[in-house]
Amino acid sequence: MVIGEVELVGQAQRGDAAAFTELVNRYESKIYRLARHITQNEEDAEDVLQETFLKAFAGLRGFQGNSRFYTWLVRIAVNESLMKLRRRKAGKIISLDEPVETEEETLPREIAAWDENPEQRYGRAEMNSLLTQAVNSLPPGFRTVFMLRDIEELSTEETAQALGLSVPAVKSRLLRARLQLREKLNRKFRKHGDDTPIHL
């Protein structure tokens, strides 16, 4: 029988090391993937993974259960990842709280769809590679929101809670991330000799 997250957290808070180990096993790949996308560095992602679970373990008794345990982990991991970026960029601060323009005139009036499935023209591996490159090229604030919503499939509310943002800010950043990805992928496909617009 699969033990639920809430029960595992409760057991871990009562000192059950095996329960915390199960929580690590359950979420470590997701946390690593998130950290890897934010830092774009494998060693930094490994460090973030370790620091996230060390801090979670140290602060476990203070976890009140007001959010999902995974959402709490994401918040720690995002903070650790951004700290890595700040150090690497020699004092250039990257903030998830920076304002995001939302003027309507910056949005395209129309988003065209593919006439046929792009995977009919490009292999799955190549499509995945192009998408990964495009996601990695997004600004950190947009990339993190896109990762949590569209890849990790957190709800808008959970993403907002994990990142300390408002729900409208999450929606705005997600929209702009998708639009930037659409433009980046369209440019990639034009380089491959295909000028059919992509729809995200």
C-alpha atoms as a PDB file:
ATOM      1  CA  MET A   1       0.000   0.000   0.000  1.00  0.00           C
ATOM      2  CA  VAL A   2       1.292   3.441  -0.973  1.00  0.00           C
ATOM      3  CA  ILE A   3       1.515   5.753   2.025  1.00  0.00           C
ATOM      4  CA  GLY A   4       0.210   9.263   1.426  1.00  0.00           C
ATOM      5  CA  GLU A   5       2.373  12.358   1.656  1.00  0.00           C
ATOM      6  CA  VAL A   6       0.607  13.730   4.740  1.00  0.00           C
ATOM      7  CA  GLU A   7       1.072  10.485   6.651  1.00  0.00           C
ATOM      8  CA  LEU A   8       4.735  10.237   5.648  1.00  0.00           C
ATOM      9  CA  VAL A   9       5.384  13.802   6.764  1.00  0.00           C
ATOM     10  CA  GLY A  10       3.690  13.106  10.084  1.00  0.00           C
ATOM     11  CA  GLN A  11       5.822  10.006  10.622  1.00  0.00           C
ATOM     12  CA  ALA A  12       8.987  11.903   9.672  1.00  0.00           C
ATOM     13  CA  GLN A  13       8.108  14.702  12.088  1.00  0.00           C
ATOM     14  CA  ARG A  14       7.827  12.089  14.846  1.00  0.00           C
ATOM     15  CA  GLY A  15      11.388  10.969  14.128  1.00  0.00           C
ATOM     16  CA  ASP A  16      10.832   8.163  11.602  1.00  0.00           C
ATOM     17  CA  ALA A  17      13.954   8.337   9.429  1.00  0.00           C
ATOM     18  CA  ALA A  18      12.575   5.777   6.985  1.00  0.00           C
ATOM     19  CA  ALA A  19       9.557   8.005   6.312  1.00  0.00           C
ATOM     20  CA  PHE A  20      11.781  10.968   5.473  1.00  0.00           C
ATOM     21  CA  THR A  21      13.888   8.722   3.235  1.00  0.00           C
ATOM     22  CA  GLU A  22      10.711   7.752   1.393  1.00  0.00           C
ATOM     23  CA  LEU A  23       9.882  11.447   0.915  1.00  0.00           C
ATOM     24  CA  VAL A  24      13.363  11.995  -0.511  1.00  0.00           C
ATOM     25  CA  ASN A  25      12.973   9.027  -2.853  1.00  0.00           C
ATOM     26  CA  ARG A  26       9.562  10.291  -3.946  1.00  0.00           C
ATOM     27  CA  TYR A  27      10.618  13.820  -4.843  1.00  0.00           C
ATOM     28  CA  GLU A  28      14.369  13.922  -5.454  1.00  0.00           C
ATOM     29  CA  SER A  29      14.162  13.486  -9.227  1.00  0.00           C
ATOM     30  CA  LYS A  30      11.618  16.314  -9.545  1.00  0.00           C
ATOM     31  CA  ILE A  31      13.642  18.639  -7.311  1.00  0.00           C
ATOM     32  CA  TYR A  32      16.833  17.842  -9.224  1.00  0.00           C
ATOM     33  CA  ARG A  33      15.121  18.477 -12.572  1.00  0.00           C
ATOM     34  CA  LEU A  34      13.768  21.808 -11.320  1.00  0.00           C
ATOM     35  CA  ALA A  35      17.173  22.855  -9.981  1.00  0.00           C
ATOM     36  CA  ARG A  36      18.868  21.756 -13.204  1.00  0.00           C
ATOM     37  CA  HIS A  37      16.540  23.905 -15.286  1.00  0.00           C
ATOM     38  CA  ILE A  38      17.011  26.960 -13.073  1.00  0.00           C
ATOM     39  CA  THR A  39      20.781  26.741 -12.599  1.00  0.00           C
ATOM     40  CA  GLN A  40      21.566  25.099 -15.956  1.00  0.00           C
ATOM     41  CA  ASN A  41      24.465  23.384 -14.233  1.00  0.00           C
ATOM     42  CA  GLU A  42      24.575  19.750 -13.098  1.00  0.00           C
ATOM     43  CA  GLU A  43      26.931  20.298 -10.157  1.00  0.00           C
ATOM     44  CA  ASP A  44      24.884  23.237  -8.890  1.00  0.00           C
ATOM     45  CA  ALA A  45      21.710  21.170  -9.267  1.00  0.00           C
ATOM     46  CA  GLU A  46      23.259  18.379  -7.190  1.00  0.00           C
ATOM     47  CA  ASP A  47      24.195  20.922  -4.516  1.00  0.00           C
ATOM     48  CA  VAL A  48      20.695  22.399  -4.564  1.00  0.00           C
ATOM     49  CA  LEU A  49      19.187  18.928  -4.236  1.00  0.00           C
ATOM     50  CA  GLN A  50      21.282  18.155  -1.150  1.00  0.00           C
ATOM     51  CA  GLU A  51      20.723  21.574   0.445  1.00  0.00           C
ATOM     52  CA  THR A  52      16.981  21.380  -0.172  1.00  0.00           C
ATOM     53  CA  PHE A  53      16.563  18.100   1.672  1.00  0.00           C
ATOM     54  CA  LEU A  54      19.012  19.070   4.411  1.00  0.00           C
ATOM     55  CA  LYS A  55      17.036  22.253   5.066  1.00  0.00           C
ATOM     56  CA  ALA A  56      13.751  20.372   4.830  1.00  0.00           C
ATOM     57  CA  PHE A  57      14.989  17.842   7.376  1.00  0.00           C
ATOM     58  CA  ALA A  58      16.242  20.589   9.701  1.00  0.00           C
ATOM     59  CA  GLY A  59      12.979  22.519   9.446  1.00  0.00           C
ATOM     60  CA  LEU A  60      10.647  19.526   9.395  1.00  0.00           C
ATOM     61  CA  ARG A  61       9.210  20.080  12.859  1.00  0.00           C
ATOM     62  CA  GLY A  62       8.302  23.627  11.874  1.00  0.00           C
ATOM     63  CA  PHE A  63       6.381  22.514   8.778  1.00  0.00           C
ATOM     64  CA  GLN A  64       2.743  23.327   9.564  1.00  0.00           C
ATOM     65  CA  GLY A  65       1.104  21.562   6.650  1.00  0.00           C
ATOM     66  CA  ASN A  66      -0.480  24.757   5.304  1.00  0.00           C
ATOM     67  CA  SER A  67       0.658  23.651   1.845  1.00  0.00           C
ATOM     68  CA  ARG A  68       1.670  20.359   0.294  1.00  0.00           C
ATOM     69  CA  PHE A  69       5.064  19.129   1.472  1.00  0.00           C
ATOM     70  CA  TYR A  70       6.201  19.082  -2.172  1.00  0.00           C
ATOM     71  CA  THR A  71       5.208  22.740  -2.597  1.00  0.00           C
ATOM     72  CA  TRP A  72       7.308  23.553   0.479  1.00  0.00           C
ATOM     73  CA  LEU A  73      10.250  21.638  -1.004  1.00  0.00           C
ATOM     74  CA  VAL A  74       9.896  23.534  -4.261  1.00  0.00           C
ATOM     75  CA  ARG A  75      10.056  26.839  -2.395  1.00  0.00           C
ATOM     76  CA  ILE A  76      13.313  25.781  -0.703  1.00  0.00           C
ATOM     77  CA  ALA A  77      14.770  24.481  -3.978  1.00  0.00           C
ATOM     78  CA  VAL A  78      13.916  27.662  -5.881  1.00  0.00           C
ATOM     79  CA  ASN A  79      15.558  29.808  -3.195  1.00  0.00           C
ATOM     80  CA  GLU A  80      18.677  27.636  -3.201  1.00  0.00           C
ATOM     81  CA  SER A  81      18.843  27.672  -7.000  1.00  0.00           C
ATOM     82  CA  LEU A  82      18.534  31.453  -7.177  1.00  0.00           C
ATOM     83  CA  MET A  83      21.286  31.788  -4.576  1.00  0.00           C
ATOM     84  CA  LYS A  84      23.512  29.682  -6.828  1.00  0.00           C
ATOM     85  CA  LEU A  85      22.731  31.952  -9.772  1.00  0.00           C
ATOM     86  CA  ARG A  86      23.428  35.078  -7.746  1.00  0.00           C
ATOM     87  CA  ARG A  87      26.826  33.781  -6.668  1.00  0.00           C
ATOM     88  CA  ARG A  88      27.713  32.651 -10.177  1.00  0.00           C
ATOM     89  CA  LYS A  89      26.774  35.969 -11.743  1.00  0.00           C
ATOM     90  CA  ALA A  90      29.106  37.867  -9.407  1.00  0.00           C
ATOM     91  CA  GLY A  91      26.542  39.968  -7.646  1.00  0.00           C
ATOM     92  CA  LYS A  92      24.000  40.275 -10.457  1.00  0.00           C
ATOM     93  CA  ILE A  93      20.779  39.591  -8.583  1.00  0.00           C
ATOM     94  CA  ILE A  94      18.033  37.630 -10.254  1.00  0.00           C
ATOM     95  CA  SER A  95      14.716  38.108  -8.524  1.00  0.00           C
ATOM     96  CA  LEU A  96      11.394  36.395  -8.965  1.00  0.00           C
ATOM     97  CA  ASP A  97       9.826  39.601  -7.650  1.00  0.00           C
ATOM     98  CA  GLU A  98      10.986  41.793 -10.520  1.00  0.00           C
ATOM     99  CA  PRO A  99       8.076  43.443 -12.346  1.00  0.00           C
ATOM    100  CA  VAL A 100       6.793  41.793 -15.479  1.00  0.00           C
ATOM    101  CA  GLU A 101       5.309  43.851 -18.297  1.00  0.00           C
ATOM    102  CA  THR A 102       1.781  42.861 -19.135  1.00  0.00           C
ATOM    103  CA  GLU A 103       0.775  45.451 -21.743  1.00  0.00           C
ATOM    104  CA  GLU A 104      -1.643  43.843 -24.124  1.00  0.00           C
ATOM    105  CA  GLU A 105       0.032  45.303 -27.194  1.00  0.00           C
ATOM    106  CA  THR A 106       3.057  43.092 -26.547  1.00  0.00           C
ATOM    107  CA  LEU A 107       0.946  39.978 -27.114  1.00  0.00           C
ATOM    108  CA  PRO A 108       0.330  38.597 -30.596  1.00  0.00           C
ATOM    109  CA  ARG A 109      -3.204  39.023 -31.876  1.00  0.00           C
ATOM    110  CA  GLU A 110      -3.295  35.563 -33.292  1.00  0.00           C
ATOM    111  CA  ILE A 111      -1.461  32.301 -32.639  1.00  0.00           C
ATOM    112  CA  ALA A 112      -1.536  29.942 -35.586  1.00  0.00           C
ATOM    113  CA  ALA A 113      -1.612  26.186 -35.143  1.00  0.00           C
ATOM    114  CA  TRP A 114       0.405  23.518 -36.917  1.00  0.00           C
ATOM    115  CA  ASP A 115      -1.280  22.108 -39.992  1.00  0.00           C
ATOM    116  CA  GLU A 116       0.076  18.728 -39.006  1.00  0.00           C
ATOM    117  CA  ASN A 117       1.745  17.180 -36.014  1.00  0.00           C
ATOM    118  CA  PRO A 118       5.358  18.497 -35.830  1.00  0.00           C
ATOM    119  CA  GLU A 119       6.480  15.070 -34.639  1.00  0.00           C
ATOM    120  CA  GLN A 120       5.604  13.802 -38.093  1.00  0.00           C
ATOM    121  CA  ARG A 121       8.467  15.933 -39.418  1.00  0.00           C
ATOM    122  CA  TYR A 122      10.936  15.778 -36.565  1.00  0.00           C
ATOM    123  CA  GLY A 123      11.901  12.866 -34.375  1.00  0.00           C
ATOM    124  CA  ARG A 124      10.783  12.897 -30.766  1.00  0.00           C
ATOM    125  CA  ALA A 125      14.383  13.219 -29.565  1.00  0.00           C
ATOM    126  CA  GLU A 126      14.993  16.269 -31.744  1.00  0.00           C
ATOM    127  CA  MET A 127      11.723  17.858 -30.631  1.00  0.00           C
ATOM    128  CA  ASN A 128      12.644  17.287 -26.976  1.00  0.00           C
ATOM    129  CA  SER A 129      16.093  18.761 -27.563  1.00  0.00           C
ATOM    130  CA  LEU A 130      14.681  21.872 -29.233  1.00  0.00           C
ATOM    131  CA  LEU A 131      12.139  22.351 -26.451  1.00  0.00           C
ATOM    132  CA  THR A 132      14.767  21.907 -23.730  1.00  0.00           C
ATOM    133  CA  GLN A 133      17.035  24.479 -25.382  1.00  0.00           C
ATOM    134  CA  ALA A 134      14.151  26.920 -25.694  1.00  0.00           C
ATOM    135  CA  VAL A 135      13.069  26.444 -22.053  1.00  0.00           C
ATOM    136  CA  ASN A 136      16.645  26.880 -20.828  1.00  0.00           C
ATOM    137  CA  SER A 137      16.941  30.174 -22.708  1.00  0.00           C
ATOM    138  CA  LEU A 138      13.961  31.723 -20.893  1.00  0.00           C
ATOM    139  CA  PRO A 139      14.645  34.327 -18.167  1.00  0.00           C
ATOM    140  CA  PRO A 140      14.833  32.573 -14.759  1.00  0.00           C
ATOM    141  CA  GLY A 141      11.537  34.011 -13.496  1.00  0.00           C
ATOM    142  CA  PHE A 142       9.642  32.808 -16.554  1.00  0.00           C
ATOM    143  CA  ARG A 143      11.509  29.508 -16.754  1.00  0.00           C
ATOM    144  CA  THR A 144      10.696  28.609 -13.145  1.00  0.00           C
ATOM    145  CA  VAL A 145       6.975  29.337 -13.529  1.00  0.00           C
ATOM    146  CA  PHE A 146       6.853  27.340 -16.781  1.00  0.00           C
ATOM    147  CA  MET A 147       8.670  24.417 -15.153  1.00  0.00           C
ATOM    148  CA  LEU A 148       6.314  24.266 -12.176  1.00  0.00           C
ATOM    149  CA  ARG A 149       3.075  24.725 -14.120  1.00  0.00           C
ATOM    150  CA  ASP A 150       3.627  22.949 -17.434  1.00  0.00           C
ATOM    151  CA  ILE A 151       6.264  20.332 -16.581  1.00  0.00           C
ATOM    152  CA  GLU A 152       5.796  19.569 -12.882  1.00  0.00           C
ATOM    153  CA  GLU A 153       2.041  20.244 -13.268  1.00  0.00           C
ATOM    154  CA  LEU A 154       1.542  22.206 -10.059  1.00  0.00           C
ATOM    155  CA  SER A 155      -1.662  24.228  -9.962  1.00  0.00           C
ATOM    156  CA  THR A 156      -1.525  28.005 -10.429  1.00  0.00           C
ATOM    157  CA  GLU A 157      -2.230  28.432  -6.714  1.00  0.00           C
ATOM    158  CA  GLU A 158       0.512  25.971  -5.692  1.00  0.00           C
ATOM    159  CA  THR A 159       2.991  27.664  -8.030  1.00  0.00           C
ATOM    160  CA  ALA A 160       2.129  31.062  -6.575  1.00  0.00           C
ATOM    161  CA  GLN A 161       2.547  29.706  -3.050  1.00  0.00           C
ATOM    162  CA  ALA A 162       5.870  28.015  -3.839  1.00  0.00           C
ATOM    163  CA  LEU A 163       7.324  31.131  -5.448  1.00  0.00           C
ATOM    164  CA  GLY A 164       5.804  33.735  -3.142  1.00  0.00           C
ATOM    165  CA  LEU A 165       3.953  35.357  -6.044  1.00  0.00           C
ATOM    166  CA  SER A 166       0.346  36.372  -6.599  1.00  0.00           C
ATOM    167  CA  VAL A 167      -1.864  34.193  -8.773  1.00  0.00           C
ATOM    168  CA  PRO A 168      -2.169  36.958 -11.432  1.00  0.00           C
ATOM    169  CA  ALA A 169       1.645  37.271 -11.531  1.00  0.00           C
ATOM    170  CA  VAL A 170       1.977  33.519 -12.094  1.00  0.00           C
ATOM    171  CA  LYS A 171      -0.596  33.627 -14.887  1.00  0.00           C
ATOM    172  CA  SER A 172       1.144  36.589 -16.509  1.00  0.00           C
ATOM    173  CA  ARG A 173       4.584  34.978 -16.361  1.00  0.00           C
ATOM    174  CA  LEU A 174       3.261  31.673 -17.637  1.00  0.00           C
ATOM    175  CA  LEU A 175       1.611  33.378 -20.600  1.00  0.00           C
ATOM    176  CA  ARG A 176       4.749  35.318 -21.443  1.00  0.00           C
ATOM    177  CA  ALA A 177       6.906  32.211 -21.033  1.00  0.00           C
ATOM    178  CA  ARG A 178       4.689  30.299 -23.455  1.00  0.00           C
ATOM    179  CA  LEU A 179       4.749  33.177 -25.939  1.00  0.00           C
ATOM    180  CA  GLN A 180       8.538  33.447 -25.756  1.00  0.00           C
ATOM    181  CA  LEU A 181       8.824  29.684 -26.243  1.00  0.00           C
ATOM    182  CA  ARG A 182       6.531  29.871 -29.244  1.00  0.00           C
ATOM    183  CA  GLU A 183       8.725  32.531 -30.836  1.00  0.00           C
ATOM    184  CA  LYS A 184      11.954  30.685 -30.040  1.00  0.00           C
ATOM    185  CA  LEU A 185      10.612  27.408 -31.437  1.00  0.00           C
ATOM    186  CA  ASN A 186       9.275  29.111 -34.545  1.00  0.00           C
ATOM    187  CA  ARG A 187      12.745  30.495 -35.211  1.00  0.00           C
ATOM    188  CA  LYS A 188      14.250  27.028 -34.679  1.00  0.00           C
ATOM    189  CA  PHE A 189      11.837  25.434 -37.130  1.00  0.00           C
ATOM    190  CA  ARG A 190      12.448  28.141 -39.711  1.00  0.00           C
ATOM    191  CA  LYS A 191      16.134  27.239 -39.510  1.00  0.00           C
ATOM    192  CA  HIS A 192      15.084  23.664 -40.266  1.00  0.00           C
ATOM    193  CA  GLY A 193      13.355  24.899 -43.402  1.00  0.00           C
ATOM    194  CA  ASP A 194       9.813  24.914 -42.032  1.00  0.00           C
ATOM    195  CA  ASP A 195       8.008  28.234 -41.691  1.00  0.00           C
ATOM    196  CA  THR A 196       4.762  26.857 -40.263  1.00  0.00           C
ATOM    197  CA  PRO A 197       4.060  28.590 -36.901  1.00  0.00           C
ATOM    198  CA  ILE A 198       3.975  26.473 -33.762  1.00  0.00           C
ATOM    199  CA  HIS A 199       1.190  26.663 -31.193  1.00  0.00           C
ATOM    200  CA  LEU A 200       1.869  26.241 -27.456  1.00  0.00           C
END
